[in-house]
C-alpha atoms as a PDB file:
ATOM      1  CA  MET A   1     -92.228 124.803-162.834  1.00  0.00           C
ATOM      2  CA  ARG A   2     -92.086 127.535-159.611  1.00  0.00           C
ATOM      3  CA  PHE A   3     -93.354 125.451-156.711  1.00  0.00           C
ATOM      4  CA  LYS A   4     -90.407 123.425-157.800  1.00  0.00           C
ATOM      5  CA  CYS A   5     -87.815 125.337-157.517  1.00  0.00           C
ATOM      6  CA  ILE A   6     -88.517 127.192-154.465  1.00  0.00           C
ATOM      7  CA  GLY A   7     -88.883 123.608-153.051  1.00  0.00           C
ATOM      8  CA  CYS A   8     -85.725 122.838-154.242  1.00  0.00           C
ATOM      9  CA  ALA A   9     -83.891 126.498-152.708  1.00  0.00           C
ATOM     10  CA  GLY A  10     -85.442 125.669-150.240  1.00  0.00           C
ATOM     11  CA  THR A  11     -83.832 122.636-149.641  1.00  0.00           C
ATOM     12  CA  ILE A  12     -80.621 123.348-150.442  1.00  0.00           C
ATOM     13  CA  LEU A  13     -80.662 126.400-147.750  1.00  0.00           C
ATOM     14  CA  LEU A  14     -81.515 123.653-144.990  1.00  0.00           C
ATOM     15  CA  LEU A  15     -78.804 121.313-146.748  1.00  0.00           C
ATOM     16  CA  ALA A  16     -76.160 123.838-146.951  1.00  0.00           C
ATOM     17  CA  CYS A  17     -77.009 124.859-143.060  1.00  0.00           C
ATOM     18  CA  ALA A  18     -76.785 120.965-141.657  1.00  0.00           C
ATOM     19  CA  GLY A  19     -73.588 121.336-143.454  1.00  0.00           C
ATOM     20  CA  PHE A  20     -72.100 124.288-141.941  1.00  0.00           C
ATOM     21  CA  SER A  21     -72.573 123.164-138.214  1.00  0.00           C
ATOM     22  CA  GLN A  22     -71.386 120.912-136.742  1.00  0.00           C
ATOM     23  CA  GLU A  23     -72.942 117.541-136.241  1.00  0.00           C
ATOM     24  CA  CYS A  24     -74.624 117.312-132.016  1.00  0.00           C
ATOM     25  CA  PRO A  25     -74.217 114.307-130.859  1.00  0.00           C
ATOM     26  CA  LYS A  26     -77.520 114.289-128.663  1.00  0.00           C
ATOM     27  CA  VAL A  27     -79.306 114.589-131.950  1.00  0.00           C
ATOM     28  CA  LYS A  28     -78.530 110.870-133.446  1.00  0.00           C
ATOM     29  CA  ASP A  29     -82.249 110.305-135.354  1.00  0.00           C
ATOM     30  CA  LYS A  30     -85.666 111.566-135.742  1.00  0.00           C
ATOM     31  CA  LYS A  31     -86.123 110.115-132.952  1.00  0.00           C
ATOM     32  CA  ALA A  32     -83.573 111.548-130.656  1.00  0.00           C
ATOM     33  CA  ALA A  33     -84.658 115.183-131.918  1.00  0.00           C
ATOM     34  CA  VAL A  34     -87.861 114.726-130.511  1.00  0.00           C
ATOM     35  CA  GLN A  35     -86.942 113.377-127.660  1.00  0.00           C
ATOM     36  CA  PHE A  36     -84.118 116.904-127.479  1.00  0.00           C
ATOM     37  CA  LEU A  37     -86.911 118.787-128.193  1.00  0.00           C
ATOM     38  CA  LEU A  38     -89.518 117.639-124.718  1.00  0.00           C
ATOM     39  CA  ASP A  39     -86.674 117.845-122.466  1.00  0.00           C
ATOM     40  CA  ASN A  40     -85.465 121.133-123.344  1.00  0.00           C
ATOM     41  CA  LYS A  41     -88.659 122.861-124.121  1.00  0.00           C
ATOM     42  CA  ALA A  42     -88.897 124.608-120.413  1.00  0.00           C
ATOM     43  CA  ASN A  43     -85.723 126.020-120.710  1.00  0.00           C
ATOM     44  CA  SER A  44     -85.691 126.380-124.281  1.00  0.00           C
ATOM     45  CA  THR A  45     -82.839 129.090-124.349  1.00  0.00           C
ATOM     46  CA  ALA A  46     -80.406 127.162-122.373  1.00  0.00           C
ATOM     47  CA  ALA A  47     -80.421 124.923-124.395  1.00  0.00           C
ATOM     48  CA  ASP A  48     -77.227 123.984-127.483  1.00  0.00           C
ATOM     49  CA  ARG A  49     -78.355 126.355-130.972  1.00  0.00           C
ATOM     50  CA  GLN A  50     -77.046 124.227-133.165  1.00  0.00           C
ATOM     51  CA  CYS A  51     -78.745 121.160-131.405  1.00  0.00           C
ATOM     52  CA  VAL A  52     -82.059 122.642-131.484  1.00  0.00           C
ATOM     53  CA  ASP A  53     -80.792 123.574-135.178  1.00  0.00           C
ATOM     54  CA  GLU A  54     -80.233 120.130-135.957  1.00  0.00           C
ATOM     55  CA  ALA A  55     -83.291 118.721-134.435  1.00  0.00           C
ATOM     56  CA  PHE A  56     -85.908 120.690-135.618  1.00  0.00           C
ATOM     57  CA  LEU A  57     -83.608 120.485-139.294  1.00  0.00           C
ATOM     58  CA  LYS A  58     -84.040 116.572-139.235  1.00  0.00           C
ATOM     59  CA  LEU A  59     -87.571 116.638-138.829  1.00  0.00           C
ATOM     60  CA  THR A  60     -88.182 119.140-141.732  1.00  0.00           C
ATOM     61  CA  LEU A  61     -86.262 116.723-143.670  1.00  0.00           C
ATOM     62  CA  ALA A  62     -88.190 113.982-142.578  1.00  0.00           C
ATOM     63  CA  THR A  63     -91.001 115.086-142.952  1.00  0.00           C
ATOM     64  CA  GLN A  64     -89.896 116.493-146.103  1.00  0.00           C
ATOM     65  CA  PHE A  65     -88.365 113.448-147.333  1.00  0.00           C
ATOM     66  CA  ASP A  66     -89.204 110.852-145.487  1.00  0.00           C
ATOM     67  CA  ASN A  67     -92.755 110.910-145.433  1.00  0.00           C
ATOM     68  CA  ARG A  68     -92.701 111.189-142.022  1.00  0.00           C
ATOM     69  CA  ASN A  69     -95.680 112.928-140.473  1.00  0.00           C
ATOM     70  CA  TYR A  70     -93.900 115.799-137.148  1.00  0.00           C
ATOM     71  CA  ILE A  71     -96.217 118.729-138.369  1.00  0.00           C
ATOM     72  CA  PRO A  72     -98.234 118.118-135.914  1.00  0.00           C
ATOM     73  CA  PHE A  73     -95.127 117.973-133.242  1.00  0.00           C
ATOM     74  CA  LEU A  74     -93.212 120.859-135.159  1.00  0.00           C
ATOM     75  CA  VAL A  75     -96.346 123.151-134.375  1.00  0.00           C
ATOM     76  CA  SER A  76     -96.421 121.487-130.957  1.00  0.00           C
ATOM     77  CA  MET A  77     -92.977 123.435-130.461  1.00  0.00           C
ATOM     78  CA  LEU A  78     -93.894 126.847-131.790  1.00  0.00           C
ATOM     79  CA  ASP A  79     -93.732 128.231-128.758  1.00  0.00           C
ATOM     80  CA  PHE A  80     -90.273 127.051-127.487  1.00  0.00           C
ATOM     81  CA  GLU A  81     -87.343 129.349-127.895  1.00  0.00           C
ATOM     82  CA  ARG A  82     -83.767 129.000-129.597  1.00  0.00           C
ATOM     83  CA  GLN A  83     -81.248 131.236-127.872  1.00  0.00           C
ATOM     84  CA  VAL A  84     -79.980 134.133-129.995  1.00  0.00           C
ATOM     85  CA  ALA A  85     -77.035 136.089-129.628  1.00  0.00           C
ATOM     86  CA  GLU A  86     -78.680 139.917-130.634  1.00  0.00           C
ATOM     87  CA  ASP A  87     -75.629 140.697-133.154  1.00  0.00           C
ATOM     88  CA  GLU A  88     -77.011 137.372-135.059  1.00  0.00           C
ATOM     89  CA  TYR A  89     -80.790 137.896-134.575  1.00  0.00           C
ATOM     90  CA  ASP A  90     -82.227 137.605-137.907  1.00  0.00           C
ATOM     91  CA  ASP A  91     -85.733 136.527-138.304  1.00  0.00           C
ATOM     92  CA  ASN A  92     -85.285 134.514-141.730  1.00  0.00           C
ATOM     93  CA  TYR A  93     -82.032 132.315-140.621  1.00  0.00           C
ATOM     94  CA  ARG A  94     -81.990 132.136-136.994  1.00  0.00           C
ATOM     95  CA  PRO A  95     -85.730 132.622-136.261  1.00  0.00           C
ATOM     96  CA  LYS A  96     -86.107 133.138-131.864  1.00  0.00           C
ATOM     97  CA  TYR A  97     -88.929 130.297-132.663  1.00  0.00           C
ATOM     98  CA  PRO A  98     -87.603 128.079-135.433  1.00  0.00           C
ATOM     99  CA  ALA A  99     -90.660 126.194-135.913  1.00  0.00           C
ATOM    100  CA  ILE A 100     -92.288 129.009-137.458  1.00  0.00           C
ATOM    101  CA  PHE A 101     -89.767 128.983-139.793  1.00  0.00           C
ATOM    102  CA  GLN A 102     -89.495 125.492-140.558  1.00  0.00           C
ATOM    103  CA  LEU A 103     -93.268 124.913-141.026  1.00  0.00           C
ATOM    104  CA  VAL A 104     -93.826 127.917-142.965  1.00  0.00           C
ATOM    105  CA  PHE A 105     -91.136 125.618-145.135  1.00  0.00           C
ATOM    106  CA  LEU A 106     -93.146 122.349-145.104  1.00  0.00           C
ATOM    107  CA  SER A 107     -95.973 124.949-146.128  1.00  0.00           C
ATOM    108  CA  ARG A 108     -94.757 124.327-149.374  1.00  0.00           C
ATOM    109  CA  ILE A 109     -94.973 120.932-149.932  1.00  0.00           C
ATOM    110  CA  ARG A 110     -97.365 120.161-146.570  1.00  0.00           C
ATOM    111  CA  ASP A 111    -101.056 121.233-145.449  1.00  0.00           C
ATOM    112  CA  VAL A 112     -99.532 122.644-142.579  1.00  0.00           C
ATOM    113  CA  GLY A 113    -103.328 124.434-141.248  1.00  0.00           C
ATOM    114  CA  PRO A 114    -105.245 122.259-139.961  1.00  0.00           C
ATOM    115  CA  SER A 115    -102.275 121.994-137.257  1.00  0.00           C
ATOM    116  CA  LEU A 116    -102.504 125.719-137.007  1.00  0.00           C
ATOM    117  CA  ILE A 117    -106.023 126.113-137.043  1.00  0.00           C
ATOM    118  CA  LYS A 118    -106.088 123.268-133.928  1.00  0.00           C
ATOM    119  CA  ALA A 119    -103.052 124.539-132.280  1.00  0.00           C
ATOM    120  CA  ILE A 120    -104.893 128.305-132.252  1.00  0.00           C
ATOM    121  CA  LYS A 121    -107.792 126.543-130.844  1.00  0.00           C
ATOM    122  CA  GLN A 122    -106.797 124.396-128.285  1.00  0.00           C
ATOM    123  CA  SER A 123    -103.184 125.613-127.087  1.00  0.00           C
ATOM    124  CA  ASP A 124    -103.003 127.008-123.548  1.00  0.00           C
ATOM    125  CA  SER A 125     -99.656 128.743-124.548  1.00  0.00           C
ATOM    126  CA  GLU A 126    -100.431 132.357-125.642  1.00  0.00           C
ATOM    127  CA  VAL A 127     -97.077 132.581-127.261  1.00  0.00           C
ATOM    128  CA  LEU A 128     -97.880 129.301-129.039  1.00  0.00           C
ATOM    129  CA  ARG A 129    -100.821 131.067-130.099  1.00  0.00           C
ATOM    130  CA  ALA A 130     -99.600 133.548-131.502  1.00  0.00           C
ATOM    131  CA  ASN A 131     -96.687 131.959-133.518  1.00  0.00           C
ATOM    132  CA  ALA A 132     -99.303 129.130-135.040  1.00  0.00           C
ATOM    133  CA  ALA A 133    -100.901 133.100-136.052  1.00  0.00           C
ATOM    134  CA  LEU A 134     -98.067 134.179-137.465  1.00  0.00           C
ATOM    135  CA  THR A 135     -97.199 130.397-139.530  1.00  0.00           C
ATOM    136  CA  LEU A 136    -100.126 130.839-140.736  1.00  0.00           C
ATOM    137  CA  ASN A 137     -99.558 134.213-141.846  1.00  0.00           C
ATOM    138  CA  ASN A 138     -96.708 133.212-143.744  1.00  0.00           C
ATOM    139  CA  SER A 139     -97.032 130.282-144.631  1.00  0.00           C
ATOM    140  CA  ILE A 140    -100.690 130.349-146.116  1.00  0.00           C
ATOM    141  CA  GLY A 141    -101.279 134.399-146.297  1.00  0.00           C
ATOM    142  CA  GLY A 142    -102.696 136.708-144.194  1.00  0.00           C
ATOM    143  CA  CYS A 143    -106.164 136.865-146.046  1.00  0.00           C
ATOM    144  CA  ALA A 144    -106.182 132.351-146.501  1.00  0.00           C
ATOM    145  CA  GLY A 145    -105.937 132.261-142.765  1.00  0.00           C
ATOM    146  CA  LEU A 146    -108.055 135.239-142.223  1.00  0.00           C
ATOM    147  CA  ARG A 147    -110.953 132.641-144.292  1.00  0.00           C
ATOM    148  CA  LEU A 148    -110.172 129.855-142.821  1.00  0.00           C
ATOM    149  CA  LEU A 149    -109.798 131.127-139.612  1.00  0.00           C
ATOM    150  CA  SER A 150    -113.307 132.618-139.998  1.00  0.00           C
ATOM    151  CA  ARG A 151    -114.972 130.075-142.045  1.00  0.00           C
ATOM    152  CA  GLU A 152    -113.498 127.918-138.722  1.00  0.00           C
ATOM    153  CA  ASP A 153    -114.873 130.268-136.095  1.00  0.00           C
ATOM    154  CA  GLU A 154    -118.420 129.946-138.146  1.00  0.00           C
ATOM    155  CA  ARG A 155    -118.618 126.078-136.410  1.00  0.00           C
ATOM    156  CA  GLU A 156    -121.340 126.070-134.315  1.00  0.00           C
ATOM    157  CA  ASP A 157    -119.900 122.989-132.664  1.00  0.00           C
ATOM    158  CA  VAL A 158    -116.351 125.016-131.407  1.00  0.00           C
ATOM    159  CA  PRO A 159    -117.216 126.559-127.729  1.00  0.00           C
ATOM    160  CA  TYR A 160    -117.248 129.651-126.920  1.00  0.00           C
ATOM    161  CA  GLU A 161    -113.198 130.133-125.433  1.00  0.00           C
ATOM    162  CA  GLN A 162    -112.111 128.501-128.413  1.00  0.00           C
ATOM    163  CA  LYS A 163    -113.825 131.248-130.257  1.00  0.00           C
ATOM    164  CA  LEU A 164    -112.623 133.611-128.622  1.00  0.00           C
ATOM    165  CA  ARG A 165    -108.518 132.782-129.149  1.00  0.00           C
ATOM    166  CA  LEU A 166    -109.509 131.991-133.043  1.00  0.00           C
ATOM    167  CA  GLU A 167    -110.648 135.670-133.300  1.00  0.00           C
ATOM    168  CA  ALA A 168    -107.711 136.240-131.504  1.00  0.00           C
ATOM    169  CA  ALA A 169    -105.528 135.222-134.273  1.00  0.00           C
ATOM    170  CA  ALA A 170    -107.269 136.921-136.594  1.00  0.00           C
ATOM    171  CA  LYS A 171    -106.645 139.873-135.466  1.00  0.00           C
ATOM    172  CA  LEU A 172    -103.072 139.360-134.746  1.00  0.00           C
ATOM    173  CA  ILE A 173    -103.175 138.179-138.777  1.00  0.00           C
ATOM    174  CA  ASN A 174    -105.621 141.645-139.301  1.00  0.00           C
ATOM    175  CA  GLU A 175    -102.525 143.923-137.318  1.00  0.00           C
ATOM    176  CA  LYS A 176     -99.591 141.908-140.020  1.00  0.00           C
ATOM    177  CA  ASN A 177    -101.228 143.392-142.943  1.00  0.00           C
ATOM    178  CA  SER A 178    -102.581 146.034-141.875  1.00  0.00           C
ATOM    179  CA  ASN A 179    -101.080 147.500-145.146  1.00  0.00           C
ATOM    180  CA  GLN A 180    -102.458 144.967-147.182  1.00  0.00           C
ATOM    181  CA  PRO A 181    -106.874 144.813-146.232  1.00  0.00           C
ATOM    182  CA  CYS A 182    -108.055 141.561-147.696  1.00  0.00           C
ATOM    183  CA  GLU A 183    -110.796 141.827-150.726  1.00  0.00           C
ATOM    184  CA  ALA A 184    -114.340 142.429-149.020  1.00  0.00           C
ATOM    185  CA  ASP A 185    -114.982 139.052-151.299  1.00  0.00           C
ATOM    186  CA  SER A 186    -113.011 137.619-148.266  1.00  0.00           C
ATOM    187  CA  SER A 187    -115.416 135.085-147.346  1.00  0.00           C
ATOM    188  CA  LYS A 188    -115.329 132.699-150.375  1.00  0.00           C
ATOM    189  CA  PRO A 189    -112.391 130.112-150.264  1.00  0.00           C
END
């Protein structure tokens, strides 16, 4: 019951945000939203903030309601930096990296962990890897995230460079949760 309430509240918040913002003509549908984000990724802070918000929202709602899986795409957008005025910066409402907020929201109804782990292992973008670790921490919790990273790191078929990336992500999660250490029995799922 609590899970459904959180999902409903999050959906209402997302729809309310969409209702208050003006419609962006560049982001008519999901396909246009994907193209808009791809076209603006290289210079993301110059992109129209309303269009950025609407594009991320369209893809999140499509993943939630249309049974479309935009999770891997949203993960690939974890280094898309949204333009934020200093007086409006708020990690919860107007995040600097909007994909983090959208993926944490989607984690309540979809499994985002595998896509985040894959991004940590394979992305060349240090910002994307760090944001994937933070998203993992915020979506499933620090200890659970550390267990996932540890299990992946222990696999024998993981190349050395990817192991280093997994260890760096674990270190970042540990630093974020330094006041809440995981139990000694954290190796169990």
